[in-house]
Every structure is written in C-alpha cells, then in structure tokens.
Protein backbone atom coordinates (compact mmCIF):
# COMPACT_ATOMS: atom_id res chain seq x y z
CA UNK A 1 0.00 0.00 0.00
CA UNK A 2 1.38 3.39 -1.01
CA UNK A 3 2.00 6.10 1.57
CA UNK A 4 0.20 9.41 1.60
CA UNK A 5 2.14 12.24 0.00
CA UNK A 6 2.45 14.21 3.25
CA UNK A 7 4.29 11.24 4.82
CA UNK A 8 6.50 10.65 1.81
CA UNK A 9 7.41 14.33 1.64
CA UNK A 10 7.92 14.86 5.37
CA UNK A 11 11.27 16.69 5.89
CA UNK A 12 14.12 14.34 6.84
CA UNK A 13 16.79 17.02 7.42
CA UNK A 14 16.73 20.62 8.59
CA UNK A 15 17.21 22.06 5.11
CA UNK A 16 13.88 20.56 3.98
CA UNK A 17 11.86 22.43 6.59
CA UNK A 18 10.26 25.46 4.93
CA UNK A 19 8.72 28.61 6.34
CA UNK A 20 10.21 28.22 9.84
CA UNK A 21 13.76 29.48 9.37
CA UNK A 22 13.78 31.30 12.72
CA UNK A 23 13.13 28.07 14.60
CA UNK A 24 15.38 25.84 12.50
CA UNK A 25 18.35 28.17 12.98
CA UNK A 26 17.82 28.31 16.75
CA UNK A 27 17.64 24.52 17.11
CA UNK A 28 20.65 23.91 14.87
CA UNK A 29 22.71 26.37 16.90
CA UNK A 30 21.63 24.64 20.11
CA UNK A 31 22.88 21.31 18.76
CA UNK A 32 26.20 22.73 17.49
CA UNK A 33 26.95 24.51 20.79
CA UNK A 34 25.67 21.57 22.85
CA UNK A 35 23.04 23.73 24.59
CA UNK A 36 19.93 21.66 23.97
CA UNK A 37 17.21 22.46 26.53
CA UNK A 38 15.53 19.79 28.64
CA UNK A 39 11.99 20.85 27.64
CA UNK A 40 10.58 22.55 24.53
CA UNK A 41 7.14 23.81 23.64
CA UNK A 42 6.30 23.97 19.93
CA UNK A 43 3.13 25.98 19.30
CA UNK A 44 1.40 27.03 16.12
CA UNK A 45 -1.29 26.24 13.53
CA UNK A 46 -1.77 22.71 12.22
CA UNK A 47 0.44 21.47 9.43
CA UNK A 48 3.24 23.98 9.97
CA UNK A 49 5.95 21.51 11.04
CA UNK A 50 5.75 21.18 14.83
CA UNK A 51 5.85 17.38 15.09
CA UNK A 52 8.27 17.12 12.16
CA UNK A 53 10.68 19.54 13.84
CA UNK A 54 10.33 17.61 17.11
CA UNK A 55 11.36 14.39 15.33
CA UNK A 56 14.26 16.12 13.63
CA UNK A 57 15.46 17.40 17.01
CA UNK A 58 15.14 13.90 18.50
CA UNK A 59 17.11 12.52 15.57
CA UNK A 60 19.76 15.23 15.81
CA UNK A 61 20.52 14.79 19.53
CA UNK A 62 20.98 11.04 18.98
CA UNK A 63 22.84 11.26 15.64
CA UNK A 64 26.18 9.41 15.54
CA UNK A 65 27.85 11.78 13.07
CA UNK A 66 30.93 13.35 14.65
CA UNK A 67 30.29 16.77 13.06
CA UNK A 68 27.52 18.44 14.99
CA UNK A 69 26.71 20.78 12.12
CA UNK A 70 25.72 17.70 10.08
CA UNK A 71 23.30 16.37 12.67
CA UNK A 72 20.97 14.79 11.82
CA UNK A 73 23.00 13.12 9.08
CA UNK A 74 20.08 10.90 8.07
CA UNK A 75 22.52 8.07 7.35
CA UNK A 76 23.79 6.68 10.65
CA UNK A 77 22.16 3.76 12.43
CA UNK A 78 20.18 5.92 14.85
CA UNK A 79 18.90 8.30 12.16
CA UNK A 80 17.75 5.39 10.00
CA UNK A 81 16.05 3.79 13.02
CA UNK A 82 14.12 7.02 13.70
CA UNK A 83 13.09 7.27 10.04
CA UNK A 84 11.82 3.69 10.10
CA UNK A 85 9.97 4.15 13.39
CA UNK A 86 11.98 1.59 15.38
CA UNK A 87 14.11 3.86 17.56
CA UNK A 88 13.33 2.75 21.11
CA UNK A 89 14.35 6.01 22.78
CA UNK A 90 11.84 8.15 20.87
CA UNK A 91 8.38 8.05 22.43
CA UNK A 92 5.48 9.87 20.79
CA UNK A 93 2.46 10.30 23.03
CA UNK A 94 -0.94 11.48 21.86
CA UNK A 95 -2.25 13.63 24.70
CA UNK A 96 -5.76 13.52 23.21
CA UNK A 97 -6.05 9.83 24.10
CA UNK A 98 -3.79 9.87 27.18
CA UNK A 99 -5.29 12.72 29.16
CA UNK A 100 -5.48 11.31 32.69
CA UNK A 101 -3.14 11.79 35.62
CA UNK A 102 -2.49 8.03 35.63
CA UNK A 103 -1.04 8.24 32.11
CA UNK A 104 1.37 10.97 33.20
CA UNK A 105 2.35 9.07 36.35
CA UNK A 106 3.10 6.01 34.25
CA UNK A 107 5.30 8.16 31.98
CA UNK A 108 7.01 9.70 34.99
CA UNK A 109 7.85 6.26 36.41
CA UNK A 110 9.52 5.15 33.18
CA UNK A 111 11.71 8.17 32.43
CA UNK A 112 14.31 7.19 35.02
CA UNK A 113 15.40 4.21 32.92
CA UNK A 114 18.52 4.87 30.85
CA UNK A 115 18.28 5.14 27.05
CA UNK A 116 18.40 1.84 25.13
CA UNK A 117 19.99 2.93 21.84
CA UNK A 118 20.86 6.60 21.86
CA UNK A 119 22.22 9.28 24.14
CA UNK A 120 18.84 10.80 25.01
CA UNK A 121 15.31 9.55 25.58
CA UNK A 122 12.99 11.99 23.80
CA UNK A 123 9.31 12.29 24.70
CA UNK A 124 7.14 14.07 22.11
CA UNK A 125 3.71 14.87 23.59
CA UNK A 126 1.40 15.91 20.76
CA UNK A 127 -1.69 18.10 21.36
CA UNK A 128 -0.50 18.58 24.93
CA UNK A 129 -3.29 21.07 25.63
CA UNK A 130 -5.67 18.09 25.87
CA UNK A 131 -4.15 16.96 29.18
CA UNK A 132 -6.33 17.38 32.24
CA UNK A 133 -5.43 19.87 34.96
CA UNK A 134 -4.35 17.09 37.31
CA UNK A 135 -2.20 15.57 34.55
CA UNK A 136 -0.46 18.91 34.00
CA UNK A 137 0.18 19.18 37.74
CA UNK A 138 1.68 15.69 37.77
CA UNK A 139 3.97 16.69 34.89
CA UNK A 140 5.25 19.92 36.44
CA UNK A 141 8.03 18.57 38.66
CA UNK A 142 9.30 16.27 35.94
CA UNK A 143 9.40 19.15 33.42
CA UNK A 144 11.31 21.33 35.86
CA UNK A 145 13.97 18.78 36.83
CA UNK A 146 13.98 15.83 34.42
CA UNK A 147 16.80 13.27 34.40
CA UNK A 148 19.81 14.42 32.37
CA UNK A 149 19.11 11.82 29.67
CA UNK A 150 15.50 12.98 29.00
CA UNK A 151 14.20 15.70 26.65
CA UNK A 152 10.53 16.71 26.51
CA UNK A 153 9.02 18.28 23.40
CA UNK A 154 5.43 19.44 23.85
CA UNK A 155 3.40 20.29 20.73
CA UNK A 156 0.13 22.20 20.65
CA UNK A 157 -2.16 24.15 18.34
CA UNK A 158 -3.83 25.95 21.27
CA UNK A 159 -1.16 27.49 23.42
CA UNK A 160 -3.69 29.56 25.37
CA UNK A 161 -4.85 26.33 27.03
CA UNK A 162 -1.41 25.55 28.45
CA UNK A 163 -1.03 26.49 32.15
CA UNK A 164 1.45 29.28 32.85
CA UNK A 165 3.32 26.97 35.21
CA UNK A 166 4.07 24.64 32.28
CA UNK A 167 4.98 27.48 29.90
CA UNK A 168 7.56 28.81 32.34
CA UNK A 169 9.35 25.45 32.41
CA UNK A 170 9.78 25.12 28.64
CA UNK A 171 11.75 26.82 25.89
CA UNK A 172 8.97 28.13 23.70
CA UNK A 173 8.95 28.32 19.89
CA UNK A 174 6.10 29.80 17.84
CA UNK A 175 5.51 28.22 14.43
CA UNK A 176 4.02 30.51 11.79
CA UNK A 177 1.61 29.89 8.94
CA UNK A 178 3.58 29.15 5.79
CA UNK A 179 3.28 31.89 3.13
CA UNK A 180 1.37 31.09 -0.06
CA UNK A 181 4.40 31.60 -2.38
CA UNK A 182 6.46 29.16 -0.29
CA UNK A 183 3.69 26.56 -0.46
CA UNK A 184 3.36 27.01 -4.23
CA UNK A 185 7.11 26.53 -4.67
CA UNK A 186 7.10 23.36 -2.58
CA UNK A 187 4.05 21.96 -4.39
CA UNK A 188 5.72 22.69 -7.71
CA UNK A 189 8.71 20.62 -6.68
CA UNK A 190 6.47 17.82 -5.45
CA UNK A 191 4.29 17.63 -8.55
CA UNK A 192 7.35 17.67 -10.81
CA UNK A 193 8.97 14.72 -9.05
CA UNK A 194 5.67 12.83 -8.75
CA UNK A 195 5.00 13.53 -12.46
CA UNK A 196 1.67 15.18 -11.78
CA UNK A 197 0.50 17.71 -14.36
CA UNK A 198 -1.22 20.61 -12.64
CA UNK A 199 -2.06 24.10 -13.83
CA UNK A 200 -0.39 27.04 -12.03
CA UNK A 201 -3.82 28.51 -11.20
CA UNK A 202 -4.81 25.21 -9.58
CA UNK A 203 -1.62 25.23 -7.50
CA UNK A 204 -2.36 28.77 -6.40
CA UNK A 205 -5.90 27.80 -5.40
CA UNK A 206 -4.64 24.81 -3.39
CA UNK A 207 -2.07 26.98 -1.61
CA UNK A 208 -4.72 29.52 -0.63
CA UNK A 209 -7.15 26.82 0.50
CA UNK A 210 -4.47 25.31 2.76
CA UNK A 211 -4.44 28.55 4.84
CA UNK A 212 -0.78 28.26 5.75
CA UNK A 213 -0.69 24.48 6.36
CA UNK A 214 1.87 22.65 4.24
CA UNK A 215 0.45 19.28 5.25
CA UNK A 216 -3.03 20.28 4.12
CA UNK A 217 -1.67 21.58 0.82
CA UNK A 218 0.20 18.34 0.10
CA UNK A 219 -2.88 16.30 1.08
CA UNK A 220 -5.01 18.31 -1.36
CA UNK A 221 -2.55 17.62 -4.18
CA UNK A 222 -2.67 13.93 -3.25
CA UNK A 223 -6.47 14.00 -3.38
CA UNK A 224 -6.63 15.83 -6.71
CA UNK A 225 -4.02 13.60 -8.35
CA UNK A 226 -6.23 10.60 -7.58
CA UNK A 227 -8.91 12.08 -9.83
CA UNK A 228 -6.77 13.02 -12.78
CA UNK A 229 -3.11 13.03 -13.77
CA UNK A 230 -3.74 16.50 -15.17
CA UNK A 231 -5.32 18.80 -12.61
CA UNK A 232 -7.01 21.89 -14.04
CA UNK A 233 -8.38 24.87 -12.17
CA UNK A 234 -11.94 23.68 -12.87
CA UNK A 235 -11.23 20.24 -11.36
CA UNK A 236 -9.60 21.83 -8.32
CA UNK A 237 -12.56 24.16 -7.80
CA UNK A 238 -15.04 21.29 -8.08
CA UNK A 239 -13.20 19.00 -5.66
CA UNK A 240 -12.39 21.72 -3.14
CA UNK A 241 -15.93 23.10 -3.17
CA UNK A 242 -14.92 26.50 -4.52
CA UNK A 243 -16.61 26.18 -7.90
CA UNK A 244 -19.24 28.66 -6.70
CA UNK A 245 -16.78 31.57 -6.88
CA UNK A 246 -18.65 32.98 -9.88
CA UNK A 247 -21.86 32.73 -7.88
CA UNK A 248 -20.25 34.77 -5.10
CA UNK A 249 -19.20 37.46 -7.58
CA UNK A 250 -22.73 37.63 -8.97
CA UNK A 251 -24.17 37.85 -5.44
CA UNK A 252 -21.92 40.80 -4.62
CA UNK A 253 -23.04 42.47 -7.86
CA UNK A 254 -26.67 41.96 -6.77
CA UNK A 255 -25.89 43.62 -3.43
CA UNK A 256 -24.25 46.56 -5.16
CA UNK A 257 -27.28 47.05 -7.43
CA UNK A 258 -29.68 46.44 -4.51
CA UNK A 259 -31.41 43.70 -6.52
CA UNK A 260 -32.74 41.54 -3.70
CA UNK A 261 -34.74 39.30 -6.04
CA UNK A 262 -31.65 38.40 -8.05
CA UNK A 263 -29.67 37.93 -4.84
CA UNK A 264 -32.19 35.41 -3.49
CA UNK A 265 -32.21 33.60 -6.84
CA UNK A 266 -28.40 33.28 -6.77
CA UNK A 267 -28.41 31.97 -3.21
CA UNK A 268 -31.15 29.41 -3.87
CA UNK A 269 -29.46 28.26 -7.08
CA UNK A 270 -26.22 27.65 -5.19
CA UNK A 271 -27.98 25.77 -2.38
CA UNK A 272 -30.06 23.72 -4.81
CA UNK A 273 -26.80 22.72 -6.47
CA UNK A 274 -25.66 21.07 -3.24
CA UNK A 275 -23.54 23.88 -1.78
CA UNK A 276 -23.37 23.87 2.01
CA UNK A 277 -24.89 27.17 3.24
CA UNK A 278 -22.21 27.78 5.86
CA UNK A 279 -19.42 27.06 3.40
CA UNK A 280 -21.09 29.41 0.94
CA UNK A 281 -21.29 32.08 3.65
CA UNK A 282 -17.58 31.66 4.35
CA UNK A 283 -16.78 32.00 0.65
CA UNK A 284 -18.77 35.24 0.54
CA UNK A 285 -16.95 36.51 3.64
CA UNK A 286 -13.54 35.59 2.16
CA UNK A 287 -14.38 37.39 -1.06
CA UNK A 288 -15.72 40.48 0.75
CA UNK A 289 -12.67 40.49 2.99
CA UNK A 290 -10.46 40.66 -0.09
CA UNK A 291 -12.59 43.57 -1.36
CA UNK A 292 -12.02 45.32 1.97
CA UNK A 293 -8.26 44.76 1.70
CA UNK A 294 -8.33 46.26 -1.80
CA UNK A 295 -10.51 49.13 -0.56
CA UNK A 296 -7.89 49.83 2.12
CA UNK A 297 -5.13 50.10 -0.51
CA UNK A 298 -3.45 46.78 0.31
CA UNK A 299 -4.56 44.69 -2.64
CA UNK A 300 -0.97 44.05 -3.72
CA UNK A 301 -0.70 41.43 -0.97
CA UNK A 302 -3.52 39.30 -2.40
CA UNK A 303 -2.82 36.33 -4.68
CA UNK A 304 -5.25 37.06 -7.55
CA UNK A 305 -5.39 36.42 -11.28
CA UNK A 306 -5.28 39.59 -13.43
CA UNK A 307 -8.93 39.13 -14.48
CA UNK A 308 -10.09 38.62 -10.88
CA UNK A 309 -8.07 41.58 -9.64
CA UNK A 310 -9.65 43.86 -12.24
CA UNK A 311 -13.17 42.74 -11.32
CA UNK A 312 -12.55 43.12 -7.59
CA UNK A 313 -11.02 46.56 -8.05
CA UNK A 314 -14.21 47.67 -9.80
CA UNK A 315 -16.45 46.25 -7.08
CA UNK A 316 -14.40 47.67 -4.22
CA UNK A 317 -14.78 51.19 -5.65
CA UNK A 318 -18.57 50.86 -5.51
CA UNK A 319 -18.59 50.12 -1.78
CA UNK A 320 -18.15 52.55 1.06
CA UNK A 321 -15.78 51.09 3.66
CA UNK A 322 -18.38 51.22 6.44
CA UNK A 323 -20.96 49.55 4.21
CA UNK A 324 -18.50 46.80 3.30
CA UNK A 325 -17.77 46.16 6.99
CA UNK A 326 -21.52 45.90 7.64
CA UNK A 327 -22.03 43.38 4.82
CA UNK A 328 -19.06 41.27 5.97
CA UNK A 329 -20.47 41.22 9.50
CA UNK A 330 -23.88 40.09 8.26
CA UNK A 331 -22.53 37.16 6.24
CA UNK A 332 -20.05 36.25 8.98
CA UNK A 333 -22.95 35.90 11.41
CA UNK A 334 -24.77 33.73 8.83
CA UNK A 335 -21.81 31.31 8.74
CA UNK A 336 -22.01 30.70 12.50
CA UNK A 337 -25.71 31.16 13.29
CA UNK A 338 -26.83 27.83 14.75
CA UNK A 339 -30.41 29.10 15.06
CA UNK A 340 -30.83 28.98 11.29
CA UNK A 341 -30.31 25.21 11.14
CA UNK A 342 -34.02 24.51 10.72
CA UNK A 343 -33.93 26.31 7.38
CA UNK A 344 -30.57 25.98 5.61
CA UNK A 345 -30.84 29.19 3.60
CA UNK A 346 -32.29 31.44 6.30
CA UNK A 347 -28.97 32.82 7.52
CA UNK A 348 -27.93 33.72 3.98
CA UNK A 349 -31.30 35.32 3.24
CA UNK A 350 -31.15 37.43 6.38
CA UNK A 351 -27.58 38.47 5.58
CA UNK A 352 -28.69 39.50 2.09
CA UNK A 353 -31.64 41.46 3.50
CA UNK A 354 -29.32 43.20 5.97
CA UNK A 355 -26.92 44.08 3.15
CA UNK A 356 -29.53 45.95 1.13
CA UNK A 357 -29.77 49.69 1.78
CA UNK A 358 -27.03 49.66 4.42
CA UNK A 359 -24.80 52.67 3.74
CA UNK A 360 -23.44 52.49 7.28
CA UNK A 361 -23.32 49.78 9.99
CA UNK A 362 -26.37 49.82 12.24
CA UNK A 363 -24.19 50.26 15.31
CA UNK A 364 -22.79 53.56 14.04
CA UNK A 365 -25.72 55.00 12.15
CA UNK A 366 -27.31 57.29 14.75
CA UNK A 367 -29.36 60.31 13.80
CA UNK A 368 -28.79 63.43 15.84
CA UNK A 369 -32.01 64.76 17.35
CA UNK A 370 -33.03 68.34 16.39
CA UNK A 371 -31.94 71.00 18.80
CA UNK A 372 -35.28 72.50 19.83
CA UNK A 373 -36.76 72.99 23.25
CA UNK A 374 -39.45 70.38 22.60
CA UNK A 375 -37.06 67.56 21.68
CA UNK A 376 -34.76 65.43 23.83
CA UNK A 377 -31.05 65.31 22.89
CA UNK A 378 -29.59 62.23 21.18
CA UNK A 379 -28.09 60.87 24.42
CA UNK A 380 -31.44 61.00 26.20
CA UNK A 381 -33.13 59.21 23.29
CA UNK A 382 -30.57 56.39 23.38
CA UNK A 383 -30.86 56.14 27.17
CA UNK A 384 -34.65 55.90 26.94
CA UNK A 385 -34.39 53.16 24.32
CA UNK A 386 -32.09 51.14 26.58
CA UNK A 387 -34.35 51.66 29.57
CA UNK A 388 -37.45 50.61 27.63
CA UNK A 389 -36.08 47.42 26.07
CA UNK A 390 -38.93 44.89 25.88
CA UNK A 391 -38.55 41.41 27.26
CA UNK A 392 -40.74 38.40 27.67
CA UNK A 393 -41.13 38.89 31.43
CA UNK A 394 -41.86 42.61 31.29
CA UNK A 395 -45.47 43.79 31.16
CA UNK A 396 -47.10 45.96 28.53
CA UNK A 397 -47.84 48.57 31.17
CA UNK A 398 -44.11 48.97 31.90
CA UNK A 399 -43.48 49.51 28.21
CA UNK A 400 -46.15 52.16 27.93
CA UNK A 401 -44.64 53.98 30.87
CA UNK A 402 -41.20 54.27 29.22
CA UNK A 403 -39.95 57.64 28.08
CA UNK A 404 -40.85 58.73 24.56
CA UNK A 405 -38.10 58.82 21.94
CA UNK A 406 -37.27 62.07 20.22
CA UNK A 407 -39.62 63.09 17.42
CA UNK A 408 -38.56 63.32 13.80
CA UNK A 409 -37.08 66.46 12.36
CA UNK A 410 -40.23 66.88 10.24
CA UNK A 411 -42.21 69.56 12.16
CA UNK A 412 -45.44 68.41 10.52
CA UNK A 413 -45.33 65.13 12.46
CA UNK A 414 -47.10 65.07 15.82
CA UNK A 415 -47.00 61.81 17.81
CA UNK A 416 -50.47 60.27 17.96
CA UNK A 417 -51.64 61.80 14.69
CA UNK A 418 -53.66 59.41 12.44
CA UNK A 419 -51.18 58.06 9.98
CA UNK A 420 -50.88 58.64 6.29
CA UNK A 421 -48.32 56.83 4.14
CA UNK A 422 -46.29 60.02 3.83
CA UNK A 423 -46.16 60.59 7.59
CA UNK A 424 -45.37 56.93 8.22
CA UNK A 425 -42.45 57.06 5.79
CA UNK A 426 -41.11 60.24 7.38
CA UNK A 427 -40.45 58.28 10.59
CA UNK A 428 -39.57 54.89 9.08
CA UNK A 429 -35.79 55.27 9.27
CA UNK A 430 -36.15 56.10 12.97
CA UNK A 431 -38.18 52.93 13.50
CA UNK A 432 -35.54 50.79 11.80
CA UNK A 433 -32.74 52.35 13.84
CA UNK A 434 -34.69 51.87 17.07
CA UNK A 435 -35.21 48.18 16.24
CA UNK A 436 -31.56 47.85 15.20
CA UNK A 437 -30.39 49.22 18.54
CA UNK A 438 -31.98 46.14 20.13
CA UNK A 439 -31.56 43.37 17.57
CA UNK A 440 -29.63 43.68 14.31
CA UNK A 441 -31.10 40.51 12.79
CA UNK A 442 -34.67 41.68 13.39
CA UNK A 443 -33.73 45.07 11.96
CA UNK A 444 -32.34 43.31 8.88
CA UNK A 445 -35.65 41.56 8.30
CA UNK A 446 -37.63 44.79 8.80
CA UNK A 447 -35.27 46.55 6.40
CA UNK A 448 -36.04 43.94 3.74
CA UNK A 449 -39.73 44.85 3.89
CA UNK A 450 -41.30 47.72 2.01
CA UNK A 451 -43.69 50.17 3.68
CA UNK A 452 -46.57 50.07 1.20
CA UNK A 453 -49.61 51.36 3.14
CA UNK A 454 -50.44 53.34 6.25
CA UNK A 455 -53.72 54.69 7.51
CA UNK A 456 -55.31 55.47 10.86
CA UNK A 457 -53.44 53.21 13.26
CA UNK A 458 -52.25 50.56 10.78
CA UNK A 459 -48.99 50.10 8.92
CA UNK A 460 -48.57 47.52 6.14
CA UNK A 461 -45.17 45.97 5.39
CA UNK A 462 -44.71 43.95 2.22
CA UNK A 463 -42.06 41.21 1.85
CA UNK A 464 -40.76 39.35 -1.17
CA UNK A 465 -40.87 35.94 0.51
CA UNK A 466 -43.09 34.18 3.03
CA UNK A 467 -40.00 33.21 4.99
CA UNK A 468 -39.10 36.83 5.75
CA UNK A 469 -42.70 37.63 6.68
CA UNK A 470 -42.73 34.68 9.10
CA UNK A 471 -39.49 35.83 10.67
CA UNK A 472 -40.78 39.30 11.52
CA UNK A 473 -44.03 37.80 12.83
CA UNK A 474 -42.23 35.55 15.33
CA UNK A 475 -43.28 36.43 18.87
CA UNK A 476 -40.05 38.04 20.06
CA UNK A 477 -39.39 39.95 16.83
CA UNK A 478 -43.01 41.07 16.48
CA UNK A 479 -43.08 42.25 20.08
CA UNK A 480 -39.94 44.34 19.56
CA UNK A 481 -41.10 45.88 16.27
CA UNK A 482 -44.57 46.66 17.61
CA UNK A 483 -43.11 48.26 20.72
CA UNK A 484 -40.83 50.53 18.72
CA UNK A 485 -43.67 51.44 16.34
CA UNK A 486 -45.81 52.46 19.28
CA UNK A 487 -43.04 54.59 20.76
CA UNK A 488 -41.99 56.34 17.56
CA UNK A 489 -45.52 57.10 16.34
CA UNK A 490 -46.89 57.83 19.81
CA UNK A 491 -49.88 55.48 19.54
CA UNK A 492 -50.84 51.82 19.36
CA UNK A 493 -49.90 50.63 15.86
CA UNK A 494 -51.42 47.60 14.17
CA UNK A 495 -48.65 45.97 12.08
CA UNK A 496 -49.85 43.97 9.08
CA UNK A 497 -47.36 41.97 6.98
CA UNK A 498 -48.07 40.86 3.43
CA UNK A 499 -46.19 38.88 0.79
CA UNK A 500 -45.90 39.67 -2.92
CA UNK A 501 -49.14 40.91 -4.47
CA UNK A 502 -51.22 40.23 -1.38
CA UNK A 503 -53.32 43.30 -0.47
CA UNK A 504 -55.03 44.61 2.62
CA UNK A 505 -57.88 47.12 2.94
CA UNK A 506 -57.29 50.10 5.23
CA UNK A 507 -60.70 51.70 4.62
CA UNK A 508 -63.53 51.95 7.09
CA UNK A 509 -64.28 48.73 8.87
CA UNK A 510 -67.41 46.80 7.99
CA UNK A 511 -69.59 45.17 10.64
CA UNK A 512 -67.76 41.87 10.46
CA UNK A 513 -64.35 43.61 10.63
CA UNK A 514 -65.13 45.42 13.85
CA UNK A 515 -65.87 42.26 15.81
CA UNK A 516 -63.66 41.30 18.73
CA UNK A 517 -62.84 37.99 17.03
CA UNK A 518 -61.47 39.69 13.91
CA UNK A 519 -59.50 42.20 15.99
CA UNK A 520 -58.01 39.34 18.00
CA UNK A 521 -57.06 37.49 14.82
CA UNK A 522 -55.34 40.57 13.38
CA UNK A 523 -53.42 41.51 16.51
CA UNK A 524 -52.53 38.10 17.92
CA UNK A 525 -52.76 35.42 15.22
CA UNK A 526 -51.20 37.27 12.29
CA UNK A 527 -54.58 37.40 10.56
CA UNK A 528 -55.07 39.75 7.63
CA UNK A 529 -58.09 41.44 6.02
CA UNK A 530 -58.20 41.11 2.26
CA UNK A 531 -59.53 43.72 -0.18
CA UNK A 532 -63.31 43.67 -0.28
CA UNK A 533 -63.34 43.58 -4.06
CA UNK A 534 -62.25 39.94 -4.01
CA UNK A 535 -65.49 39.01 -2.25
CA UNK A 536 -68.66 38.31 -4.19
CA UNK A 537 -71.89 37.01 -2.62
CA UNK A 538 -70.02 36.21 0.55
CA UNK A 539 -67.52 33.97 -1.23
CA UNK A 540 -63.85 34.38 -2.01
CA UNK A 541 -63.19 34.24 -5.72
C-alpha cells in the first residue's frame, strides 16, 4: 500500500523544513553549541511543522555523526532507526487519548530508565493542551527537573490552554503559517517529481485553501491527483468546493445594485446545487474580505489572477468602507448562526436582506435629534431606548410607561396623529434604527420589507418571501417591532405583513371587521383582512 504524500514528503533534514527558518536556525545552533534544553514547547497552527521539527530534534541529539553541524545526518544507524519508526528512545504520546493523571504518572515512572539505543530519551507529547489539569500538575516537577538523559518536546495548536506553570518550564517556539508563495514553490517541486500535471492557477488555489498548512496543501494535491493526472483549475474548484466563486461574484453584484430578487435567486441556485450554506457564507466573507483589503489600498498582498483583480477593483470602488464592513459582518454571522439550522438558507437570506440599503453599519448609524426645546437630545433618546427594552417577562404597562423617543425632524409630524403613508415614511428610518439598537437581525428583516400602506393606526409591510414575513411575525421579533412602532408614532400601531401581491384594505371597517374575534385574529394570530373587491356574494373568488 502506497503512503500518503504528506508522509513521503515529510522533511528528513533541517534544510527541507520550509517557512520556519527562525526556529530551524535556533535549534541547529543549540545542537552545534551543545546547549539543547531539557523541555521545549512547539506551538502554532496545524500542518506547519511542529511534530516534524520535534522528530528532527530527536534525531539530531541522537545522531552518531561526529560533526555536529551535520546532525541529523540521516545516514547513521540511529537516524535510520528514527526514520523507520523503530528507535526505542523516541516516544510519541498522543495527549488527546492519554489525558489522565495516571497516564502521566506512568510516563514519569519510566523516564528514570537509561536510554536503550541513543544518548537521550525523547518524549514528544502531541496536542499537549488536551491533558487534564491534574495531569499537568503531575507533569510539572518532571518538566522542571527531568533526568539528564530525557528531553521533553510538547506540541500544541492551542497554546492559550497551556497552564502558565508549564509554559515557564519550557523553551517556547512559535511556528508561523507558511506563506502562499512558499507553499506554491514546494508543491511545484512535489508535482514535478511525482510527475503530476497541474495548472499554475490550480496550484495557487490549493495553496490559498491550505491557509498556511503545508500538510493540508500536500494532502489536497494527493487527493486531486487521484482524480486526474492532469489537474485543471476547474477540477480543483469542483473537488475543493470552490466552484461557486462565480456565484459569489454575482451575489456581490446583486448587493451593489440592490437587486434583492436576483440575490435570493443566486443563493437558492447555489444551495439547490448542493452547496453547504455555511461554506457558501464563508466563501462570501472571504471574497468580501479581499474587497475590503483592496478598498484599504493593500490589494498588492492578495494572490489574484489579473482578471479577478480587475473585477474586484471595480467592485471595491462601488462600496463605502463602512458599508462593506456591515455586509461582511452580516454574512459572517450567517456562517455561525446555529439558530438557522431549521432552514438551511435562512442565515444567507437574512444576511442579504441586511446588506440591502445599508450605507453604514447599524451600530454607528445614529441620527442626531433636532436642537429644539421640545425635543430630547440624542443621548437621552438612546438612554430611553435602553431603559425601555422589551422582554418576555416585562409587562405591557411597563413599556407604555417608558420615556418617549425624540420626534422626527419633520415639524409636521405630531405623535399620535392618524397616519398617512407620507407621515409613516417620514419616521420609518427612525423605527428601523430603534429596532436595530436592540436586535440587528430583526432590523435586517424589517429593512427587507417595504412600507406600502399606512392609515389610521395601521402600517402595512410587504415582503418578497413568506420566509421573511414569518421571521418578523415571530413572537419576540413582532413584540420588539410593535413596541418601537408604538413609541416612535406615539400610539398603538397595528402591524400587518403581506407577501408579494397580497393586499389589505385600510378603509372603514365593515360590521364583520369590527368584531372582537377579527380584531383578536389581526393583533394576535397574524390574521389579515383582504380587499373587499375579491369578495362576491359572501364567497372568495
């Protein structure tokens, strides 16, 4: 059975380690000057060479070559034994499966035995952060004063989980993510020797997908070479799940043109094609992040094809920086929102709705209240909103007793006045900001609706999809929106939500409309009154 590429291409000498020159030089100098520490801590992202460097160090300290600058020589008996996995004085321990204090005590009891083959017994403890607190405590004394023939090398991807008492007893080395150009160069060497034909654009895509992990990059080449001896960019995109990049570009164009219908169509097409919604969200965030980098005059650091760079330059110029930050935040939340699991596309749809008509992030878009004697200043308005936040345990009476928000700058508006569509629209931005100060996701849904009618004490919001209408009519969201409507307009507001071409009559109520049952249905069960002209002889056409 053939070995995986990442095992075949694992560095066997120091010169083969790439992207970690600062660590390699330090360890080689320690060997040459005979100043090898008794305990090391190798920390850094996965696939950056921590365990490989630990094995090289173990091989070097036990190498039989007389010239220390040549260690490890990779040719002596001990070096060959390490390479073949039969060197008795090299112990690799997986802390993820040996987490208990008993495992550490067993290790501690054995370290006093002298080495069998080499000069040093080397213990490599991988993923050491997985050890329990009691196991770490049992290891402390041994780490501080191990026998002279023992070297500990602890490896971890999560250094923040290592107790400070352990960190202080080790010589610490931070491994860095490997740069994309370095990965591309290494993959080029690999594919040439393995006789794999691969397009440069495909290599670049693999290097970016590996996010600084050489092991991941080599594994991806191994995977792709199993499909075809000639790997094209299209094949790489399909296998790596990035074939939707064109879809992401089209979605960003839809956001820029504020074409929500097209945006929803693009999202649904991608999901219907089998794309994972969270992965799609991450792709959108990655793309938008690159636009932000370009917008901030740092696009030269991005690995892009000339065609892609030209397209992204054009898109970045159409965004305001604050708007771009807001859109990135919305899609980032969609990629991690566990609440949207019941409907796979909900998070993406909400992010799209939030991205439309968002010139500035909701957290920073605050309108200054007019400076007249009859209006509260902006700080008072924000304080009153915080004090009057609705919750499920609070009563309606407490809400009604909260301080009124500042009125709109339009002097023709008087709180409590029977509404017209014009007056309702004059205060609509204030309503959306008030909702956004409490819940950005609810504000995003409200923002996706269109204020189509207003009359008396009723406001009608129209949505493009039933899903968005349902979201705003959920108990918590509906309670928040209704509360803010009441406060801004200074009266009890009846919120009616429609979808598409659905209509509602705001004229005078007929006998059947004024009944308590109908009122209850409208206010509590999301019921809606249809236009009377669709009724004929008491029947719905």
